[in-house]
PDB file of all heavy atoms in Angstrom:
ATOM      1  N   SER A   1     139.392 116.570 141.086  1.00  0.00           N
ATOM      2  CA  SER A   1     139.451 117.059 139.707  1.00  0.00           C
ATOM      3  C   SER A   1     140.194 116.082 138.809  1.00  0.00           C
ATOM      4  O   SER A   1     139.794 115.853 137.659  1.00  0.00           O
ATOM      5  CB  SER A   1     140.131 118.432 139.654  1.00  0.00           C
ATOM      6  OG  SER A   1     139.352 119.396 140.302  1.00  0.00           O
ATOM      7  N   THR A   2     141.255 115.496 139.321  1.00  0.00           N
ATOM      8  CA  THR A   2     142.026 114.526 138.542  1.00  0.00           C
ATOM      9  C   THR A   2     141.207 113.262 138.301  1.00  0.00           C
ATOM     10  O   THR A   2     141.234 112.697 137.199  1.00  0.00           O
ATOM     11  CB  THR A   2     143.363 114.205 139.235  1.00  0.00           C
ATOM     12  OG1 THR A   2     144.061 115.439 139.468  1.00  0.00           O
ATOM     13  CG2 THR A   2     144.232 113.293 138.383  1.00  0.00           C
ATOM     14  N   LEU A   3     140.465 112.824 139.309  1.00  0.00           N
ATOM     15  CA  LEU A   3     139.559 111.681 139.118  1.00  0.00           C
ATOM     16  C   LEU A   3     138.576 111.974 137.992  1.00  0.00           C
ATOM     17  O   LEU A   3     138.386 111.144 137.094  1.00  0.00           O
ATOM     18  CB  LEU A   3     138.776 111.408 140.400  1.00  0.00           C
ATOM     19  CG  LEU A   3     139.344 110.435 141.394  1.00  0.00           C
ATOM     20  CD1 LEU A   3     138.454 110.371 142.629  1.00  0.00           C
ATOM     21  CD2 LEU A   3     139.509 109.061 140.797  1.00  0.00           C
ATOM     22  N   VAL A   4     137.959 113.142 138.047  1.00  0.00           N
ATOM     23  CA  VAL A   4     136.976 113.530 137.040  1.00  0.00           C
ATOM     24  C   VAL A   4     137.623 113.555 135.655  1.00  0.00           C
ATOM     25  O   VAL A   4     137.044 113.086 134.672  1.00  0.00           O
ATOM     26  CB  VAL A   4     136.326 114.881 137.389  1.00  0.00           C
ATOM     27  CG1 VAL A   4     135.448 115.384 136.259  1.00  0.00           C
ATOM     28  CG2 VAL A   4     135.537 114.770 138.681  1.00  0.00           C
ATOM     29  N   LYS A   5     138.825 114.061 135.581  1.00  0.00           N
ATOM     30  CA  LYS A   5     139.559 114.130 134.319  1.00  0.00           C
ATOM     31  C   LYS A   5     139.718 112.740 133.701  1.00  0.00           C
ATOM     32  O   LYS A   5     139.489 112.554 132.509  1.00  0.00           O
ATOM     33  CB  LYS A   5     140.935 114.760 134.577  1.00  0.00           C
ATOM     34  CG  LYS A   5     141.895 114.726 133.414  1.00  0.00           C
ATOM     35  CD  LYS A   5     143.212 115.350 133.848  1.00  0.00           C
ATOM     36  CE  LYS A   5     144.326 115.172 132.879  1.00  0.00           C
ATOM     37  NZ  LYS A   5     145.570 115.800 133.377  1.00  0.00           N
ATOM     38  N   TYR A   6     140.085 111.765 134.504  1.00  0.00           N
ATOM     39  CA  TYR A   6     140.325 110.424 133.978  1.00  0.00           C
ATOM     40  C   TYR A   6     139.062 109.584 133.854  1.00  0.00           C
ATOM     41  O   TYR A   6     139.056 108.587 133.138  1.00  0.00           O
ATOM     42  CB  TYR A   6     141.393 109.710 134.799  1.00  0.00           C
ATOM     43  CG  TYR A   6     142.764 110.262 134.498  1.00  0.00           C
ATOM     44  CD1 TYR A   6     143.390 111.133 135.373  1.00  0.00           C
ATOM     45  CD2 TYR A   6     143.394 109.959 133.300  1.00  0.00           C
ATOM     46  CE1 TYR A   6     144.628 111.665 135.074  1.00  0.00           C
ATOM     47  CE2 TYR A   6     144.627 110.499 132.987  1.00  0.00           C
ATOM     48  CZ  TYR A   6     145.249 111.351 133.881  1.00  0.00           C
ATOM     49  OH  TYR A   6     146.463 111.895 133.571  1.00  0.00           O
ATOM     50  N   VAL A   7     137.990 109.987 134.502  1.00  0.00           N
ATOM     51  CA  VAL A   7     136.721 109.272 134.378  1.00  0.00           C
ATOM     52  C   VAL A   7     136.002 109.673 133.100  1.00  0.00           C
ATOM     53  O   VAL A   7     135.407 108.849 132.422  1.00  0.00           O
ATOM     54  CB  VAL A   7     135.827 109.526 135.610  1.00  0.00           C
ATOM     55  CG1 VAL A   7     134.406 109.067 135.359  1.00  0.00           C
ATOM     56  CG2 VAL A   7     136.393 108.815 136.820  1.00  0.00           C
ATOM     57  N   GLY A   8     136.091 110.950 132.757  1.00  0.00           N
ATOM     58  CA  GLY A   8     135.375 111.423 131.574  1.00  0.00           C
ATOM     59  C   GLY A   8     133.911 111.662 131.914  1.00  0.00           C
ATOM     60  O   GLY A   8     133.583 112.626 132.590  1.00  0.00           O
ATOM     61  N   ASN A   9     133.036 110.767 131.495  1.00  0.00           N
ATOM     62  CA  ASN A   9     131.607 110.881 131.779  1.00  0.00           C
ATOM     63  C   ASN A   9     131.374 110.512 133.239  1.00  0.00           C
ATOM     64  O   ASN A   9     131.375 109.337 133.598  1.00  0.00           O
ATOM     65  CB  ASN A   9     130.811 109.969 130.851  1.00  0.00           C
ATOM     66  CG  ASN A   9     129.328 110.046 131.117  1.00  0.00           C
ATOM     67  OD1 ASN A   9     128.855 110.781 131.982  1.00  0.00           O
ATOM     68  ND2 ASN A   9     128.572 109.276 130.362  1.00  0.00           N
ATOM     69  N   THR A  10     131.155 111.508 134.073  1.00  0.00           N
ATOM     70  CA  THR A  10     131.050 111.266 135.514  1.00  0.00           C
ATOM     71  C   THR A  10     129.702 110.692 135.941  1.00  0.00           C
ATOM     72  O   THR A  10     129.569 110.238 137.069  1.00  0.00           O
ATOM     73  CB  THR A  10     131.305 112.562 136.312  1.00  0.00           C
ATOM     74  OG1 THR A  10     130.378 113.557 135.893  1.00  0.00           O
ATOM     75  CG2 THR A  10     132.727 113.032 136.140  1.00  0.00           C
ATOM     76  N   ASN A  11     128.711 110.694 135.060  1.00  0.00           N
ATOM     77  CA  ASN A  11     127.390 110.190 135.449  1.00  0.00           C
ATOM     78  C   ASN A  11     127.454 108.741 135.927  1.00  0.00           C
ATOM     79  O   ASN A  11     126.792 108.363 136.886  1.00  0.00           O
ATOM     80  CB  ASN A  11     126.390 110.318 134.306  1.00  0.00           C
ATOM     81  CG  ASN A  11     125.998 111.752 134.069  1.00  0.00           C
ATOM     82  OD1 ASN A  11     126.043 112.574 134.977  1.00  0.00           O
ATOM     83  ND2 ASN A  11     125.640 112.073 132.843  1.00  0.00           N
ATOM     84  N   GLN A  12     128.244 107.918 135.270  1.00  0.00           N
ATOM     85  CA  GLN A  12     128.338 106.512 135.632  1.00  0.00           C
ATOM     86  C   GLN A  12     128.947 106.320 137.022  1.00  0.00           C
ATOM     87  O   GLN A  12     128.572 105.407 137.743  1.00  0.00           O
ATOM     88  CB  GLN A  12     129.168 105.763 134.591  1.00  0.00           C
ATOM     89  CG  GLN A  12     129.300 104.287 134.892  1.00  0.00           C
ATOM     90  CD  GLN A  12     130.100 103.553 133.831  1.00  0.00           C
ATOM     91  OE1 GLN A  12     130.492 104.129 132.819  1.00  0.00           O
ATOM     92  NE2 GLN A  12     130.347 102.286 134.051  1.00  0.00           N
ATOM     93  N   TYR A  13     129.894 107.170 137.391  1.00  0.00           N
ATOM     94  CA  TYR A  13     130.627 107.005 138.645  1.00  0.00           C
ATOM     95  C   TYR A  13     130.360 108.118 139.655  1.00  0.00           C
ATOM     96  O   TYR A  13     131.118 108.290 140.605  1.00  0.00           O
ATOM     97  CB  TYR A  13     132.130 106.925 138.361  1.00  0.00           C
ATOM     98  CG  TYR A  13     132.511 105.733 137.523  1.00  0.00           C
ATOM     99  CD1 TYR A  13     132.928 105.885 136.208  1.00  0.00           C
ATOM    100  CD2 TYR A  13     132.455 104.446 138.045  1.00  0.00           C
ATOM    101  CE1 TYR A  13     133.294 104.796 135.438  1.00  0.00           C
ATOM    102  CE2 TYR A  13     132.813 103.346 137.283  1.00  0.00           C
ATOM    103  CZ  TYR A  13     133.229 103.530 135.982  1.00  0.00           C
ATOM    104  OH  TYR A  13     133.579 102.443 135.230  1.00  0.00           O
ATOM    105  N   LYS A  14     129.295 108.865 139.451  1.00  0.00           N
ATOM    106  CA  LYS A  14     128.999 110.036 140.282  1.00  0.00           C
ATOM    107  C   LYS A  14     129.004 109.707 141.773  1.00  0.00           C
ATOM    108  O   LYS A  14     129.694 110.354 142.557  1.00  0.00           O
ATOM    109  CB  LYS A  14     127.650 110.613 139.868  1.00  0.00           C
ATOM    110  CG  LYS A  14     127.267 111.896 140.534  1.00  0.00           C
ATOM    111  CD  LYS A  14     125.937 112.374 139.952  1.00  0.00           C
ATOM    112  CE  LYS A  14     125.598 113.749 140.407  1.00  0.00           C
ATOM    113  NZ  LYS A  14     124.386 114.258 139.727  1.00  0.00           N
ATOM    114  N   GLU A  15     128.240 108.706 142.176  1.00  0.00           N
ATOM    115  CA  GLU A  15     128.147 108.364 143.597  1.00  0.00           C
ATOM    116  C   GLU A  15     129.482 107.855 144.147  1.00  0.00           C
ATOM    117  O   GLU A  15     129.823 108.120 145.299  1.00  0.00           O
ATOM    118  CB  GLU A  15     127.031 107.351 143.842  1.00  0.00           C
ATOM    119  CG  GLU A  15     125.643 107.935 143.649  1.00  0.00           C
ATOM    120  CD  GLU A  15     125.383 109.170 144.519  1.00  0.00           C
ATOM    121  OE1 GLU A  15     125.725 109.159 145.720  1.00  0.00           O
ATOM    122  OE2 GLU A  15     124.834 110.151 143.990  1.00  0.00           O
ATOM    123  N   SER A  16     130.233 107.148 143.329  1.00  0.00           N
ATOM    124  CA  SER A  16     131.539 106.655 143.779  1.00  0.00           C
ATOM    125  C   SER A  16     132.512 107.806 144.018  1.00  0.00           C
ATOM    126  O   SER A  16     133.259 107.807 144.994  1.00  0.00           O
ATOM    127  CB  SER A  16     132.127 105.688 142.749  1.00  0.00           C
ATOM    128  OG  SER A  16     131.298 104.564 142.619  1.00  0.00           O
ATOM    129  N   ILE A  17     132.490 108.797 143.129  1.00  0.00           N
ATOM    130  CA  ILE A  17     133.359 109.965 143.304  1.00  0.00           C
ATOM    131  C   ILE A  17     132.929 110.746 144.542  1.00  0.00           C
ATOM    132  O   ILE A  17     133.775 111.203 145.312  1.00  0.00           O
ATOM    133  CB  ILE A  17     133.351 110.846 142.036  1.00  0.00           C
ATOM    134  CG1 ILE A  17     133.977 110.075 140.863  1.00  0.00           C
ATOM    135  CG2 ILE A  17     134.105 112.155 142.286  1.00  0.00           C
ATOM    136  CD1 ILE A  17     133.812 110.749 139.513  1.00  0.00           C
ATOM    137  N   VAL A  18     131.620 110.863 144.760  1.00  0.00           N
ATOM    138  CA  VAL A  18     131.123 111.530 145.968  1.00  0.00           C
ATOM    139  C   VAL A  18     131.595 110.785 147.214  1.00  0.00           C
ATOM    140  O   VAL A  18     132.041 111.398 148.190  1.00  0.00           O
ATOM    141  CB  VAL A  18     129.583 111.656 145.943  1.00  0.00           C
ATOM    142  CG1 VAL A  18     129.041 112.056 147.308  1.00  0.00           C
ATOM    143  CG2 VAL A  18     129.159 112.670 144.888  1.00  0.00           C
ATOM    144  N   THR A  19     131.518 109.467 147.188  1.00  0.00           N
ATOM    145  CA  THR A  19     131.976 108.661 148.331  1.00  0.00           C
ATOM    146  C   THR A  19     133.457 108.874 148.594  1.00  0.00           C
ATOM    147  O   THR A  19     133.873 109.061 149.745  1.00  0.00           O
ATOM    148  CB  THR A  19     131.695 107.161 148.087  1.00  0.00           C
ATOM    149  OG1 THR A  19     130.287 106.982 147.919  1.00  0.00           O
ATOM    150  CG2 THR A  19     132.186 106.310 149.241  1.00  0.00           C
ATOM    151  N   ILE A  20     134.256 108.876 147.547  1.00  0.00           N
ATOM    152  CA  ILE A  20     135.694 109.135 147.711  1.00  0.00           C
ATOM    153  C   ILE A  20     135.898 110.520 148.299  1.00  0.00           C
ATOM    154  O   ILE A  20     136.698 110.706 149.218  1.00  0.00           O
ATOM    155  CB  ILE A  20     136.435 108.975 146.372  1.00  0.00           C
ATOM    156  CG1 ILE A  20     136.474 107.487 145.991  1.00  0.00           C
ATOM    157  CG2 ILE A  20     137.848 109.549 146.446  1.00  0.00           C
ATOM    158  CD1 ILE A  20     136.971 107.206 144.606  1.00  0.00           C
ATOM    159  N   GLY A  21     135.177 111.514 147.775  1.00  0.00           N
ATOM    160  CA  GLY A  21     135.269 112.875 148.315  1.00  0.00           C
ATOM    161  C   GLY A  21     134.933 112.912 149.796  1.00  0.00           C
ATOM    162  O   GLY A  21     135.628 113.556 150.592  1.00  0.00           O
ATOM    163  N   GLN A  22     133.895 112.191 150.198  1.00  0.00           N
ATOM    164  CA  GLN A  22     133.505 112.169 151.609  1.00  0.00           C
ATOM    165  C   GLN A  22     134.584 111.529 152.464  1.00  0.00           C
ATOM    166  O   GLN A  22     134.884 112.010 153.551  1.00  0.00           O
ATOM    167  CB  GLN A  22     132.165 111.449 151.775  1.00  0.00           C
ATOM    168  CG  GLN A  22     131.014 112.271 151.237  1.00  0.00           C
ATOM    169  CD  GLN A  22     129.701 111.530 151.228  1.00  0.00           C
ATOM    170  OE1 GLN A  22     129.640 110.323 151.026  1.00  0.00           O
ATOM    171  NE2 GLN A  22     128.622 112.268 151.446  1.00  0.00           N
ATOM    172  N   TYR A  23     135.196 110.462 151.985  1.00  0.00           N
ATOM    173  CA  TYR A  23     136.287 109.846 152.731  1.00  0.00           C
ATOM    174  C   TYR A  23     137.501 110.774 152.828  1.00  0.00           C
ATOM    175  O   TYR A  23     138.283 110.684 153.762  1.00  0.00           O
ATOM    176  CB  TYR A  23     136.691 108.507 152.115  1.00  0.00           C
ATOM    177  CG  TYR A  23     135.886 107.359 152.650  1.00  0.00           C
ATOM    178  CD1 TYR A  23     134.762 106.905 151.976  1.00  0.00           C
ATOM    179  CD2 TYR A  23     136.234 106.731 153.845  1.00  0.00           C
ATOM    180  CE1 TYR A  23     134.009 105.857 152.461  1.00  0.00           C
ATOM    181  CE2 TYR A  23     135.483 105.691 154.343  1.00  0.00           C
ATOM    182  CZ  TYR A  23     134.374 105.252 153.650  1.00  0.00           C
ATOM    183  OH  TYR A  23     133.635 104.217 154.146  1.00  0.00           O
ATOM    184  N   LEU A  24     137.627 111.680 151.843  1.00  0.00           N
ATOM    185  CA  LEU A  24     138.719 112.653 151.868  1.00  0.00           C
ATOM    186  C   LEU A  24     138.335 113.913 152.645  1.00  0.00           C
ATOM    187  O   LEU A  24     139.110 114.855 152.729  1.00  0.00           O
ATOM    188  CB  LEU A  24     139.127 113.022 150.437  1.00  0.00           C
ATOM    189  CG  LEU A  24     139.752 111.887 149.623  1.00  0.00           C
ATOM    190  CD1 LEU A  24     139.933 112.314 148.169  1.00  0.00           C
ATOM    191  CD2 LEU A  24     141.082 111.451 150.221  1.00  0.00           C
ATOM    192  N   GLY A  25     137.104 113.930 153.186  1.00  0.00           N
ATOM    193  CA  GLY A  25     136.677 115.041 154.024  1.00  0.00           C
ATOM    194  C   GLY A  25     135.912 116.140 153.314  1.00  0.00           C
ATOM    195  O   GLY A  25     135.755 117.243 153.853  1.00  0.00           O
ATOM    196  N   VAL A  26     135.432 115.872 152.112  1.00  0.00           N
ATOM    197  CA  VAL A  26     134.714 116.883 151.340  1.00  0.00           C
ATOM    198  C   VAL A  26     133.217 116.546 151.363  1.00  0.00           C
ATOM    199  O   VAL A  26     132.832 115.429 151.024  1.00  0.00           O
ATOM    200  CB  VAL A  26     135.217 116.917 149.880  1.00  0.00           C
ATOM    201  CG1 VAL A  26     134.476 117.968 149.081  1.00  0.00           C
ATOM    202  CG2 VAL A  26     136.713 117.167 149.843  1.00  0.00           C
ATOM    203  N   PRO A  27     132.370 117.496 151.753  1.00  0.00           N
ATOM    204  CA  PRO A  27     130.923 117.248 151.740  1.00  0.00           C
ATOM    205  C   PRO A  27     130.413 116.933 150.327  1.00  0.00           C
ATOM    206  O   PRO A  27     131.008 117.360 149.330  1.00  0.00           O
ATOM    207  CB  PRO A  27     130.322 118.563 152.236  1.00  0.00           C
ATOM    208  CG  PRO A  27     131.432 119.267 152.931  1.00  0.00           C
ATOM    209  CD  PRO A  27     132.699 118.830 152.250  1.00  0.00           C
ATOM    210  N   LYS A  28     129.317 116.211 150.263  1.00  0.00           N
ATOM    211  CA  LYS A  28     128.735 115.776 148.988  1.00  0.00           C
ATOM    212  C   LYS A  28     128.516 116.943 148.035  1.00  0.00           C
ATOM    213  O   LYS A  28     128.906 116.873 146.870  1.00  0.00           O
ATOM    214  CB  LYS A  28     127.410 115.050 149.241  1.00  0.00           C
ATOM    215  CG  LYS A  28     126.728 114.581 147.980  1.00  0.00           C
ATOM    216  CD  LYS A  28     125.447 113.838 148.275  1.00  0.00           C
ATOM    217  CE  LYS A  28     124.812 113.355 146.981  1.00  0.00           C
ATOM    218  NZ  LYS A  28     123.638 112.501 147.228  1.00  0.00           N
ATOM    219  N   GLU A  29     127.884 118.013 148.516  1.00  0.00           N
ATOM    220  CA  GLU A  29     127.580 119.149 147.636  1.00  0.00           C
ATOM    221  C   GLU A  29     128.838 119.799 147.076  1.00  0.00           C
ATOM    222  O   GLU A  29     128.857 120.229 145.916  1.00  0.00           O
ATOM    223  CB  GLU A  29     126.710 120.174 148.367  1.00  0.00           C
ATOM    224  CG  GLU A  29     125.311 119.680 148.677  1.00  0.00           C
ATOM    225  CD  GLU A  29     124.562 119.194 147.434  1.00  0.00           C
ATOM    226  OE1 GLU A  29     124.627 119.860 146.388  1.00  0.00           O
ATOM    227  OE2 GLU A  29     123.915 118.136 147.525  1.00  0.00           O
ATOM    228  N   GLU A  30     129.877 119.869 147.889  1.00  0.00           N
ATOM    229  CA  GLU A  30     131.128 120.466 147.409  1.00  0.00           C
ATOM    230  C   GLU A  30     131.785 119.568 146.360  1.00  0.00           C
ATOM    231  O   GLU A  30     132.305 120.047 145.355  1.00  0.00           O
ATOM    232  CB  GLU A  30     132.085 120.711 148.580  1.00  0.00           C
ATOM    233  CG  GLU A  30     133.272 121.561 148.186  1.00  0.00           C
ATOM    234  CD  GLU A  30     134.094 122.023 149.369  1.00  0.00           C
ATOM    235  OE1 GLU A  30     133.589 122.036 150.501  1.00  0.00           O
ATOM    236  OE2 GLU A  30     135.261 122.382 149.140  1.00  0.00           O
ATOM    237  N   THR A  31     131.742 118.253 146.582  1.00  0.00           N
ATOM    238  CA  THR A  31     132.285 117.321 145.594  1.00  0.00           C
ATOM    239  C   THR A  31     131.522 117.446 144.280  1.00  0.00           C
ATOM    240  O   THR A  31     132.129 117.491 143.205  1.00  0.00           O
ATOM    241  CB  THR A  31     132.221 115.868 146.110  1.00  0.00           C
ATOM    242  OG1 THR A  31     133.006 115.763 147.288  1.00  0.00           O
ATOM    243  CG2 THR A  31     132.754 114.897 145.071  1.00  0.00           C
ATOM    244  N   LEU A  32     130.198 117.514 144.357  1.00  0.00           N
ATOM    245  CA  LEU A  32     129.397 117.685 143.142  1.00  0.00           C
ATOM    246  C   LEU A  32     129.753 118.986 142.429  1.00  0.00           C
ATOM    247  O   LEU A  32     129.825 119.026 141.199  1.00  0.00           O
ATOM    248  CB  LEU A  32     127.907 117.641 143.481  1.00  0.00           C
ATOM    249  CG  LEU A  32     127.377 116.284 143.959  1.00  0.00           C
ATOM    250  CD1 LEU A  32     125.940 116.429 144.455  1.00  0.00           C
ATOM    251  CD2 LEU A  32     127.472 115.240 142.864  1.00  0.00           C
ATOM    252  N   GLY A  33     130.007 120.042 143.204  1.00  0.00           N
ATOM    253  CA  GLY A  33     130.421 121.321 142.620  1.00  0.00           C
ATOM    254  C   GLY A  33     131.753 121.217 141.902  1.00  0.00           C
ATOM    255  O   GLY A  33     131.928 121.746 140.801  1.00  0.00           O
ATOM    256  N   ILE A  34     132.693 120.513 142.519  1.00  0.00           N
ATOM    257  CA  ILE A  34     134.003 120.314 141.884  1.00  0.00           C
ATOM    258  C   ILE A  34     133.821 119.532 140.587  1.00  0.00           C
ATOM    259  O   ILE A  34     134.423 119.856 139.561  1.00  0.00           O
ATOM    260  CB  ILE A  34     134.976 119.590 142.842  1.00  0.00           C
ATOM    261  CG1 ILE A  34     135.325 120.496 144.026  1.00  0.00           C
ATOM    262  CG2 ILE A  34     136.246 119.162 142.101  1.00  0.00           C
ATOM    263  CD1 ILE A  34     136.041 119.786 145.158  1.00  0.00           C
ATOM    264  N   MET A  35     132.981 118.500 140.632  1.00  0.00           N
ATOM    265  CA  MET A  35     132.748 117.680 139.445  1.00  0.00           C
ATOM    266  C   MET A  35     132.171 118.501 138.296  1.00  0.00           C
ATOM    267  O   MET A  35     132.500 118.261 137.133  1.00  0.00           O
ATOM    268  CB  MET A  35     131.809 116.518 139.788  1.00  0.00           C
ATOM    269  CG  MET A  35     132.454 115.479 140.672  1.00  0.00           C
ATOM    270  SD  MET A  35     131.285 114.247 141.309  1.00  0.00           S
ATOM    271  CE  MET A  35     130.696 113.491 139.806  1.00  0.00           C
ATOM    272  N   GLU A  36     131.344 119.471 138.606  1.00  0.00           N
ATOM    273  CA  GLU A  36     130.716 120.291 137.572  1.00  0.00           C
ATOM    274  C   GLU A  36     131.631 121.405 137.066  1.00  0.00           C
ATOM    275  O   GLU A  36     131.557 121.778 135.904  1.00  0.00           O
ATOM    276  CB  GLU A  36     129.432 120.919 138.109  1.00  0.00           C
ATOM    277  CG  GLU A  36     128.322 119.918 138.320  1.00  0.00           C
ATOM    278  CD  GLU A  36     127.073 120.564 138.895  1.00  0.00           C
ATOM    279  OE1 GLU A  36     126.965 121.804 138.876  1.00  0.00           O
ATOM    280  OE2 GLU A  36     126.208 119.813 139.375  1.00  0.00           O
ATOM    281  N   GLU A  37     132.487 121.945 137.932  1.00  0.00           N
ATOM    282  CA  GLU A  37     133.227 123.156 137.594  1.00  0.00           C
ATOM    283  C   GLU A  37     134.727 122.961 137.395  1.00  0.00           C
ATOM    284  O   GLU A  37     135.434 123.934 137.149  1.00  0.00           O
ATOM    285  CB  GLU A  37     133.020 124.194 138.702  1.00  0.00           C
ATOM    286  CG  GLU A  37     131.580 124.606 138.873  1.00  0.00           C
ATOM    287  CD  GLU A  37     131.397 125.600 139.994  1.00  0.00           C
ATOM    288  OE1 GLU A  37     132.364 126.302 140.344  1.00  0.00           O
ATOM    289  OE2 GLU A  37     130.283 125.666 140.539  1.00  0.00           O
ATOM    290  N   TRP A  38     135.208 121.735 137.479  1.00  0.00           N
ATOM    291  CA  TRP A  38     136.649 121.527 137.392  1.00  0.00           C
ATOM    292  C   TRP A  38     137.177 122.000 136.035  1.00  0.00           C
ATOM    293  O   TRP A  38     136.462 122.067 135.049  1.00  0.00           O
ATOM    294  CB  TRP A  38     136.996 120.058 137.624  1.00  0.00           C
ATOM    295  CG  TRP A  38     136.775 119.204 136.412  1.00  0.00           C
ATOM    296  CD1 TRP A  38     135.590 118.711 135.957  1.00  0.00           C
ATOM    297  CD2 TRP A  38     137.762 118.778 135.487  1.00  0.00           C
ATOM    298  NE1 TRP A  38     135.776 118.000 134.810  1.00  0.00           N
ATOM    299  CE2 TRP A  38     137.100 118.022 134.491  1.00  0.00           C
ATOM    300  CE3 TRP A  38     139.135 118.953 135.393  1.00  0.00           C
ATOM    301  CZ2 TRP A  38     137.783 117.450 133.422  1.00  0.00           C
ATOM    302  CZ3 TRP A  38     139.804 118.380 134.325  1.00  0.00           C
ATOM    303  CH2 TRP A  38     139.131 117.635 133.358  1.00  0.00           C
TER     304      TRP A  38
END
């Protein structure tokens, strides 16, 4: 959520945020959900 906050428009970095989420143990769909609902 903090990443999304400082990124602003997440479309440009969507896959990168998903990758970070996966390295932190969060499945892709859950990361996408956080990005949409934070």
